């Protein structure tokens, strides 16, 4: 399977680095799940009460989806750095 990344060779991580990366993964999962909960709630409210605060809820859908994307991008960058991955 072709990849858009290359490594600098073997990588050795300390236990502390592995635990830090794992904590970042846990934080990312928690944060993204929170954003998805906001998106789901806003969508449900639009569906159930389309006449009340629709614009505000649509804004929530947009803002929270971009925040989730940014959280994932940050984690991906941390992961790539920890493993010495670079884009081709």
PDB file of N, CA and C in Angstrom:
ATOM      1  N   UNK A   1       0.847  -1.182   0.000  1.00  0.00           N
ATOM      2  CA  UNK A   1       0.000   0.000   0.000  1.00  0.00           C
ATOM      3  C   UNK A   1       0.893   1.246   0.000  1.00  0.00           C
ATOM      4  N   UNK A   2       0.791   2.091  -1.011  1.00  0.00           N
ATOM      5  CA  UNK A   2       1.629   3.285  -1.075  1.00  0.00           C
ATOM      6  C   UNK A   2       1.291   4.261   0.051  1.00  0.00           C
ATOM      7  N   UNK A   3       2.315   4.993   0.460  1.00  0.00           N
ATOM      8  CA  UNK A   3       2.136   5.950   1.546  1.00  0.00           C
ATOM      9  C   UNK A   3       2.624   7.321   1.113  1.00  0.00           C
ATOM     10  N   UNK A   4       2.009   8.355   1.681  1.00  0.00           N
ATOM     11  CA  UNK A   4       2.433   9.725   1.421  1.00  0.00           C
ATOM     12  C   UNK A   4       3.494  10.164   2.422  1.00  0.00           C
ATOM     13  N   UNK A   5       3.972   9.224   3.236  1.00  0.00           N
ATOM     14  CA  UNK A   5       4.935   9.529   4.277  1.00  0.00           C
ATOM     15  C   UNK A   5       6.161   8.650   4.152  1.00  0.00           C
ATOM     16  N   UNK A   6       7.236   9.116   4.739  1.00  0.00           N
ATOM     17  CA  UNK A   6       8.433   8.286   4.864  1.00  0.00           C
ATOM     18  C   UNK A   6       8.931   8.428   6.291  1.00  0.00           C
ATOM     19  N   UNK A   7       9.716   7.442   6.701  1.00  0.00           N
ATOM     20  CA  UNK A   7      10.299   7.487   8.032  1.00  0.00           C
ATOM     21  C   UNK A   7      11.784   7.765   7.910  1.00  0.00           C
ATOM     22  N   UNK A   8      12.368   8.130   9.006  1.00  0.00           N
ATOM     23  CA  UNK A   8      13.806   8.331   9.038  1.00  0.00           C
ATOM     24  C   UNK A   8      14.523   7.068   9.474  1.00  0.00           C
ATOM     25  N   UNK A   9      13.824   5.960   9.500  1.00  0.00           N
ATOM     26  CA  UNK A   9      14.390   4.696   9.947  1.00  0.00           C
ATOM     27  C   UNK A   9      13.721   4.256  11.233  1.00  0.00           C
ATOM     28  N   UNK A  10      14.419   3.439  11.972  1.00  0.00           N
ATOM     29  CA  UNK A  10      13.874   2.932  13.229  1.00  0.00           C
ATOM     30  C   UNK A  10      13.678   4.058  14.234  1.00  0.00           C
ATOM     31  N   UNK A  11      12.643   3.902  15.037  1.00  0.00           N
ATOM     32  CA  UNK A  11      12.336   4.892  16.065  1.00  0.00           C
ATOM     33  C   UNK A  11      12.223   4.162  17.396  1.00  0.00           C
ATOM     34  N   UNK A  12      12.840   4.730  18.410  1.00  0.00           N
ATOM     35  CA  UNK A  12      12.724   4.177  19.750  1.00  0.00           C
ATOM     36  C   UNK A  12      12.077   5.236  20.631  1.00  0.00           C
ATOM     37  N   UNK A  13      11.010   4.829  21.301  1.00  0.00           N
ATOM     38  CA  UNK A  13      10.330   5.736  22.214  1.00  0.00           C
ATOM     39  C   UNK A  13      10.521   5.236  23.639  1.00  0.00           C
ATOM     40  N   UNK A  14      10.678   6.176  24.543  1.00  0.00           N
ATOM     41  CA  UNK A  14      10.750   5.804  25.951  1.00  0.00           C
ATOM     42  C   UNK A  14       9.350   5.499  26.461  1.00  0.00           C
ATOM     43  N   UNK A  15       9.295   4.864  27.614  1.00  0.00           N
ATOM     44  CA  UNK A  15       7.991   4.598  28.220  1.00  0.00           C
ATOM     45  C   UNK A  15       7.238   5.900  28.451  1.00  0.00           C
ATOM     46  N   UNK A  16       7.939   6.929  28.891  1.00  0.00           N
ATOM     47  CA  UNK A  16       7.297   8.228  29.134  1.00  0.00           C
ATOM     48  C   UNK A  16       6.724   8.807  27.836  1.00  0.00           C
ATOM     49  N   UNK A  17       7.443   8.675  26.730  1.00  0.00           N
ATOM     50  CA  UNK A  17       6.954   9.181  25.446  1.00  0.00           C
ATOM     51  C   UNK A  17       5.724   8.407  24.984  1.00  0.00           C
ATOM     52  N   UNK A  18       5.742   7.104  25.176  1.00  0.00           N
ATOM     53  CA  UNK A  18       4.587   6.289  24.798  1.00  0.00           C
ATOM     54  C   UNK A  18       3.373   6.675  25.632  1.00  0.00           C
ATOM     55  N   UNK A  19       3.579   6.835  26.932  1.00  0.00           N
ATOM     56  CA  UNK A  19       2.462   7.210  27.805  1.00  0.00           C
ATOM     57  C   UNK A  19       1.934   8.608  27.471  1.00  0.00           C
ATOM     58  N   UNK A  20       2.836   9.518  27.118  1.00  0.00           N
ATOM     59  CA  UNK A  20       2.411  10.865  26.729  1.00  0.00           C
ATOM     60  C   UNK A  20       1.591  10.826  25.434  1.00  0.00           C
ATOM     61  N   UNK A  21       2.040  10.056  24.465  1.00  0.00           N
ATOM     62  CA  UNK A  21       1.316   9.930  23.202  1.00  0.00           C
ATOM     63  C   UNK A  21      -0.044   9.270  23.429  1.00  0.00           C
ATOM     64  N   UNK A  22      -0.078   8.291  24.308  1.00  0.00           N
ATOM     65  CA  UNK A  22      -1.347   7.636  24.628  1.00  0.00           C
ATOM     66  C   UNK A  22      -2.302   8.605  25.319  1.00  0.00           C
ATOM     67  N   UNK A  23      -1.791   9.434  26.227  1.00  0.00           N
ATOM     68  CA  UNK A  23      -2.641  10.429  26.887  1.00  0.00           C
ATOM     69  C   UNK A  23      -3.185  11.425  25.870  1.00  0.00           C
ATOM     70  N   UNK A  24      -2.366  11.817  24.922  1.00  0.00           N
ATOM     71  CA  UNK A  24      -2.827  12.727  23.871  1.00  0.00           C
ATOM     72  C   UNK A  24      -3.928  12.065  23.042  1.00  0.00           C
ATOM     73  N   UNK A  25      -3.781  10.760  22.771  1.00  0.00           N
ATOM     74  CA  UNK A  25      -4.822  10.025  22.050  1.00  0.00           C
ATOM     75  C   UNK A  25      -6.116  10.013  22.859  1.00  0.00           C
ATOM     76  N   UNK A  26      -6.020   9.741  24.143  1.00  0.00           N
ATOM     77  CA  UNK A  26      -7.209   9.724  25.005  1.00  0.00           C
ATOM     78  C   UNK A  26      -7.881  11.102  25.038  1.00  0.00           C
ATOM     79  N   UNK A  27      -7.066  12.158  25.158  1.00  0.00           N
ATOM     80  CA  UNK A  27      -7.613  13.523  25.166  1.00  0.00           C
ATOM     81  C   UNK A  27      -8.296  13.837  23.846  1.00  0.00           C
ATOM     82  N   UNK A  28      -7.657  13.426  22.733  1.00  0.00           N
ATOM     83  CA  UNK A  28      -8.243  13.677  21.419  1.00  0.00           C
ATOM     84  C   UNK A  28      -9.584  12.978  21.287  1.00  0.00           C
ATOM     85  N   UNK A  29      -9.637  11.707  21.680  1.00  0.00           N
ATOM     86  CA  UNK A  29     -10.894  10.949  21.610  1.00  0.00           C
ATOM     87  C   UNK A  29     -11.981  11.641  22.424  1.00  0.00           C
ATOM     88  N   UNK A  30     -11.637  12.060  23.633  1.00  0.00           N
ATOM     89  CA  UNK A  30     -12.600  12.730  24.501  1.00  0.00           C
ATOM     90  C   UNK A  30     -13.087  14.038  23.874  1.00  0.00           C
ATOM     91  N   UNK A  31     -12.153  14.837  23.388  1.00  0.00           N
ATOM     92  CA  UNK A  31     -12.508  16.130  22.792  1.00  0.00           C
ATOM     93  C   UNK A  31     -13.360  15.969  21.534  1.00  0.00           C
ATOM     94  N   UNK A  32     -12.983  15.038  20.674  1.00  0.00           N
ATOM     95  CA  UNK A  32     -13.753  14.822  19.443  1.00  0.00           C
ATOM     96  C   UNK A  32     -15.146  14.289  19.780  1.00  0.00           C
ATOM     97  N   UNK A  33     -15.233  13.365  20.717  1.00  0.00           N
ATOM     98  CA  UNK A  33     -16.551  12.867  21.126  1.00  0.00           C
ATOM     99  C   UNK A  33     -17.424  13.983  21.671  1.00  0.00           C
ATOM    100  N   UNK A  34     -16.828  14.906  22.423  1.00  0.00           N
ATOM    101  CA  UNK A  34     -17.582  16.058  22.925  1.00  0.00           C
ATOM    102  C   UNK A  34     -18.092  16.934  21.792  1.00  0.00           C
ATOM    103  N   UNK A  35     -17.238  17.181  20.805  1.00  0.00           N
ATOM    104  CA  UNK A  35     -17.655  17.993  19.644  1.00  0.00           C
ATOM    105  C   UNK A  35     -18.776  17.296  18.885  1.00  0.00           C
ATOM    106  N   UNK A  36     -18.651  15.975  18.711  1.00  0.00           N
ATOM    107  CA  UNK A  36     -19.696  15.230  18.006  1.00  0.00           C
ATOM    108  C   UNK A  36     -21.015  15.244  18.780  1.00  0.00           C
ATOM    109  N   UNK A  37     -20.948  15.230  20.095  1.00  0.00           N
ATOM    110  CA  UNK A  37     -22.164  15.330  20.912  1.00  0.00           C
ATOM    111  C   UNK A  37     -22.845  16.677  20.695  1.00  0.00           C
ATOM    112  N   UNK A  38     -22.054  17.745  20.612  1.00  0.00           N
ATOM    113  CA  UNK A  38     -22.625  19.078  20.342  1.00  0.00           C
ATOM    114  C   UNK A  38     -23.280  19.116  18.960  1.00  0.00           C
ATOM    115  N   UNK A  39     -22.613  18.520  17.988  1.00  0.00           N
ATOM    116  CA  UNK A  39     -23.148  18.486  16.621  1.00  0.00           C
ATOM    117  C   UNK A  39     -24.454  17.706  16.592  1.00  0.00           C
ATOM    118  N   UNK A  40     -24.471  16.550  17.242  1.00  0.00           N
ATOM    119  CA  UNK A  40     -25.681  15.720  17.282  1.00  0.00           C
ATOM    120  C   UNK A  40     -26.823  16.459  17.967  1.00  0.00           C
ATOM    121  N   UNK A  41     -26.534  17.105  19.092  1.00  0.00           N
ATOM    122  CA  UNK A  41     -27.571  17.841  19.825  1.00  0.00           C
ATOM    123  C   UNK A  41     -28.129  18.981  18.975  1.00  0.00           C
ATOM    124  N   UNK A  42     -27.249  19.714  18.308  1.00  0.00           N
ATOM    125  CA  UNK A  42     -27.711  20.820  17.469  1.00  0.00           C
ATOM    126  C   UNK A  42     -28.568  20.302  16.320  1.00  0.00           C
ATOM    127  N   UNK A  43     -28.164  19.214  15.703  1.00  0.00           N
ATOM    128  CA  UNK A  43     -28.934  18.638  14.595  1.00  0.00           C
ATOM    129  C   UNK A  43     -30.300  18.154  15.084  1.00  0.00           C
ATOM    130  N   UNK A  44     -30.322  17.513  16.239  1.00  0.00           N
ATOM    131  CA  UNK A  44     -31.596  17.042  16.803  1.00  0.00           C
ATOM    132  C   UNK A  44     -32.533  18.208  17.108  1.00  0.00           C
ATOM    133  N   UNK A  45     -31.994  19.277  17.665  1.00  0.00           N
ATOM    134  CA  UNK A  45     -32.829  20.446  17.968  1.00  0.00           C
ATOM    135  C   UNK A  45     -33.351  21.104  16.699  1.00  0.00           C
ATOM    136  N   UNK A  46     -32.553  21.136  15.656  1.00  0.00           N
ATOM    137  CA  UNK A  46     -33.024  21.677  14.374  1.00  0.00           C
ATOM    138  C   UNK A  46     -34.161  20.809  13.847  1.00  0.00           C
ATOM    139  N   UNK A  47     -34.002  19.507  13.959  1.00  0.00           N
ATOM    140  CA  UNK A  47     -35.032  18.584  13.480  1.00  0.00           C
ATOM    141  C   UNK A  47     -36.319  18.699  14.301  1.00  0.00           C
ATOM    142  N   UNK A  48     -36.187  18.770  15.619  1.00  0.00           N
ATOM    143  CA  UNK A  48     -37.361  18.788  16.498  1.00  0.00           C
ATOM    144  C   UNK A  48     -38.044  20.150  16.565  1.00  0.00           C
ATOM    145  N   UNK A  49     -37.239  21.214  16.511  1.00  0.00           N
ATOM    146  CA  UNK A  49     -37.777  22.575  16.621  1.00  0.00           C
ATOM    147  C   UNK A  49     -37.146  23.474  15.560  1.00  0.00           C
ATOM    148  N   UNK A  50     -37.511  23.266  14.309  1.00  0.00           N
ATOM    149  CA  UNK A  50     -36.851  24.007  13.230  1.00  0.00           C
ATOM    150  C   UNK A  50     -37.086  25.520  13.281  1.00  0.00           C
ATOM    151  N   UNK A  51     -38.104  25.959  13.973  1.00  0.00           N
ATOM    152  CA  UNK A  51     -38.426  27.385  14.012  1.00  0.00           C
ATOM    153  C   UNK A  51     -37.683  28.140  15.120  1.00  0.00           C
ATOM    154  N   UNK A  52     -36.998  27.454  16.011  1.00  0.00           N
ATOM    155  CA  UNK A  52     -36.335  28.108  17.139  1.00  0.00           C
ATOM    156  C   UNK A  52     -34.811  28.108  16.984  1.00  0.00           C
ATOM    157  N   UNK A  53     -34.222  29.282  16.931  1.00  0.00           N
ATOM    158  CA  UNK A  53     -32.766  29.468  16.919  1.00  0.00           C
ATOM    159  C   UNK A  53     -32.043  28.611  15.881  1.00  0.00           C
ATOM    160  N   UNK A  54     -32.618  28.482  14.720  1.00  0.00           N
ATOM    161  CA  UNK A  54     -32.031  27.633  13.684  1.00  0.00           C
ATOM    162  C   UNK A  54     -30.635  28.109  13.274  1.00  0.00           C
ATOM    163  N   UNK A  55     -30.484  29.403  13.083  1.00  0.00           N
ATOM    164  CA  UNK A  55     -29.184  29.942  12.650  1.00  0.00           C
ATOM    165  C   UNK A  55     -28.092  29.671  13.682  1.00  0.00           C
ATOM    166  N   UNK A  56     -28.424  29.832  14.957  1.00  0.00           N
ATOM    167  CA  UNK A  56     -27.454  29.577  16.021  1.00  0.00           C
ATOM    168  C   UNK A  56     -27.032  28.103  16.020  1.00  0.00           C
ATOM    169  N   UNK A  57     -27.969  27.232  15.817  1.00  0.00           N
ATOM    170  CA  UNK A  57     -27.671  25.799  15.813  1.00  0.00           C
ATOM    171  C   UNK A  57     -26.885  25.393  14.572  1.00  0.00           C
ATOM    172  N   UNK A  58     -27.201  26.018  13.452  1.00  0.00           N
ATOM    173  CA  UNK A  58     -26.410  25.752  12.242  1.00  0.00           C
ATOM    174  C   UNK A  58     -24.966  26.213  12.446  1.00  0.00           C
ATOM    175  N   UNK A  59     -24.798  27.343  13.108  1.00  0.00           N
ATOM    176  CA  UNK A  59     -23.456  27.843  13.415  1.00  0.00           C
ATOM    177  C   UNK A  59     -22.710  26.845  14.307  1.00  0.00           C
ATOM    178  N   UNK A  60     -23.419  26.255  15.275  1.00  0.00           N
ATOM    179  CA  UNK A  60     -22.818  25.240  16.140  1.00  0.00           C
ATOM    180  C   UNK A  60     -22.326  24.061  15.318  1.00  0.00           C
ATOM    181  N   UNK A  61     -23.133  23.626  14.342  1.00  0.00           N
ATOM    182  CA  UNK A  61     -22.718  22.513  13.482  1.00  0.00           C
ATOM    183  C   UNK A  61     -21.403  22.829  12.781  1.00  0.00           C
ATOM    184  N   UNK A  62     -21.306  24.020  12.243  1.00  0.00           N
ATOM    185  CA  UNK A  62     -20.093  24.408  11.524  1.00  0.00           C
ATOM    186  C   UNK A  62     -18.891  24.553  12.445  1.00  0.00           C
ATOM    187  N   UNK A  63     -19.060  25.287  13.539  1.00  0.00           N
ATOM    188  CA  UNK A  63     -17.948  25.556  14.451  1.00  0.00           C
ATOM    189  C   UNK A  63     -17.423  24.263  15.067  1.00  0.00           C
ATOM    190  N   UNK A  64     -18.316  23.429  15.562  1.00  0.00           N
ATOM    191  CA  UNK A  64     -17.882  22.205  16.224  1.00  0.00           C
ATOM    192  C   UNK A  64     -17.206  21.234  15.258  1.00  0.00           C
ATOM    193  N   UNK A  65     -17.671  21.177  14.017  1.00  0.00           N
ATOM    194  CA  UNK A  65     -17.026  20.279  13.056  1.00  0.00           C
ATOM    195  C   UNK A  65     -15.605  20.749  12.750  1.00  0.00           C
ATOM    196  N   UNK A  66     -15.397  22.055  12.642  1.00  0.00           N
ATOM    197  CA  UNK A  66     -14.044  22.561  12.402  1.00  0.00           C
ATOM    198  C   UNK A  66     -13.153  22.351  13.617  1.00  0.00           C
ATOM    199  N   UNK A  67     -13.710  22.493  14.822  1.00  0.00           N
ATOM    200  CA  UNK A  67     -12.923  22.240  16.030  1.00  0.00           C
ATOM    201  C   UNK A  67     -12.496  20.778  16.091  1.00  0.00           C
ATOM    202  N   UNK A  68     -13.394  19.867  15.756  1.00  0.00           N
ATOM    203  CA  UNK A  68     -13.061  18.439  15.756  1.00  0.00           C
ATOM    204  C   UNK A  68     -11.936  18.160  14.758  1.00  0.00           C
ATOM    205  N   UNK A  69     -12.032  18.757  13.577  1.00  0.00           N
ATOM    206  CA  UNK A  69     -10.982  18.589  12.565  1.00  0.00           C
ATOM    207  C   UNK A  69      -9.645  19.090  13.092  1.00  0.00           C
ATOM    208  N   UNK A  70      -9.645  20.246  13.744  1.00  0.00           N
ATOM    209  CA  UNK A  70      -8.405  20.809  14.282  1.00  0.00           C
ATOM    210  C   UNK A  70      -7.800  19.923  15.370  1.00  0.00           C
ATOM    211  N   UNK A  71      -8.642  19.334  16.211  1.00  0.00           N
ATOM    212  CA  UNK A  71      -8.161  18.438  17.265  1.00  0.00           C
ATOM    213  C   UNK A  71      -7.479  17.223  16.649  1.00  0.00           C
ATOM    214  N   UNK A  72      -8.097  16.644  15.640  1.00  0.00           N
ATOM    215  CA  UNK A  72      -7.522  15.466  14.973  1.00  0.00           C
ATOM    216  C   UNK A  72      -6.222  15.838  14.265  1.00  0.00           C
ATOM    217  N   UNK A  73      -6.182  16.985  13.613  1.00  0.00           N
ATOM    218  CA  UNK A  73      -4.974  17.442  12.922  1.00  0.00           C
ATOM    219  C   UNK A  73      -3.818  17.633  13.902  1.00  0.00           C
ATOM    220  N   UNK A  74      -4.098  18.199  15.066  1.00  0.00           N
ATOM    221  CA  UNK A  74      -3.065  18.401  16.081  1.00  0.00           C
ATOM    222  C   UNK A  74      -2.511  17.069  16.559  1.00  0.00           C
ATOM    223  N   UNK A  75      -3.410  16.114  16.833  1.00  0.00           N
ATOM    224  CA  UNK A  75      -2.932  14.803  17.280  1.00  0.00           C
ATOM    225  C   UNK A  75      -2.113  14.117  16.185  1.00  0.00           C
ATOM    226  N   UNK A  76      -2.581  14.194  14.962  1.00  0.00           N
ATOM    227  CA  UNK A  76      -1.854  13.566  13.857  1.00  0.00           C
ATOM    228  C   UNK A  76      -0.449  14.142  13.747  1.00  0.00           C
ATOM    229  N   UNK A  77      -0.321  15.434  13.934  1.00  0.00           N
ATOM    230  CA  UNK A  77       0.989  16.071  13.883  1.00  0.00           C
ATOM    231  C   UNK A  77       1.884  15.573  15.015  1.00  0.00           C
ATOM    232  N   UNK A  78       1.335  15.476  16.222  1.00  0.00           N
ATOM    233  CA  UNK A  78       2.100  14.962  17.361  1.00  0.00           C
ATOM    234  C   UNK A  78       2.549  13.521  17.098  1.00  0.00           C
ATOM    235  N   UNK A  79       1.659  12.718  16.542  1.00  0.00           N
ATOM    236  CA  UNK A  79       1.950  11.320  16.234  1.00  0.00           C
ATOM    237  C   UNK A  79       3.058  11.225  15.198  1.00  0.00           C
ATOM    238  N   UNK A  80       2.926  12.000  14.122  1.00  0.00           N
ATOM    239  CA  UNK A  80       3.924  11.983  13.051  1.00  0.00           C
ATOM    240  C   UNK A  80       5.296  12.419  13.571  1.00  0.00           C
ATOM    241  N   UNK A  81       5.312  13.419  14.431  1.00  0.00           N
ATOM    242  CA  UNK A  81       6.567  13.898  14.997  1.00  0.00           C
ATOM    243  C   UNK A  81       7.199  12.821  15.878  1.00  0.00           C
ATOM    244  N   UNK A  82       6.386  12.175  16.722  1.00  0.00           N
ATOM    245  CA  UNK A  82       6.904  11.160  17.639  1.00  0.00           C
ATOM    246  C   UNK A  82       7.530   9.989  16.882  1.00  0.00           C
ATOM    247  N   UNK A  83       6.988   9.663  15.727  1.00  0.00           N
ATOM    248  CA  UNK A  83       7.488   8.524  14.962  1.00  0.00           C
ATOM    249  C   UNK A  83       8.401   8.920  13.802  1.00  0.00           C
ATOM    250  N   UNK A  84       8.747  10.204  13.736  1.00  0.00           N
ATOM    251  CA  UNK A  84       9.671  10.658  12.703  1.00  0.00           C
ATOM    252  C   UNK A  84       9.123  10.569  11.295  1.00  0.00           C
ATOM    253  N   UNK A  85       7.817  10.711  11.136  1.00  0.00           N
ATOM    254  CA  UNK A  85       7.201  10.636   9.817  1.00  0.00           C
ATOM    255  C   UNK A  85       7.228  12.001   9.134  1.00  0.00           C
ATOM    256  N   UNK A  86       7.556  11.999   7.855  1.00  0.00           N
ATOM    257  CA  UNK A  86       7.518  13.234   7.066  1.00  0.00           C
ATOM    258  C   UNK A  86       6.775  12.967   5.765  1.00  0.00           C
ATOM    259  N   UNK A  87       6.095  13.989   5.281  1.00  0.00           N
ATOM    260  CA  UNK A  87       5.368  13.857   4.012  1.00  0.00           C
ATOM    261  C   UNK A  87       6.357  13.835   2.863  1.00  0.00           C
ATOM    262  N   UNK A  88       6.011  13.042   1.862  1.00  0.00           N
ATOM    263  CA  UNK A  88       6.832  12.992   0.656  1.00  0.00           C
ATOM    264  C   UNK A  88       6.597  14.205  -0.205  1.00  0.00           C
TER     265      UNK A  88
END
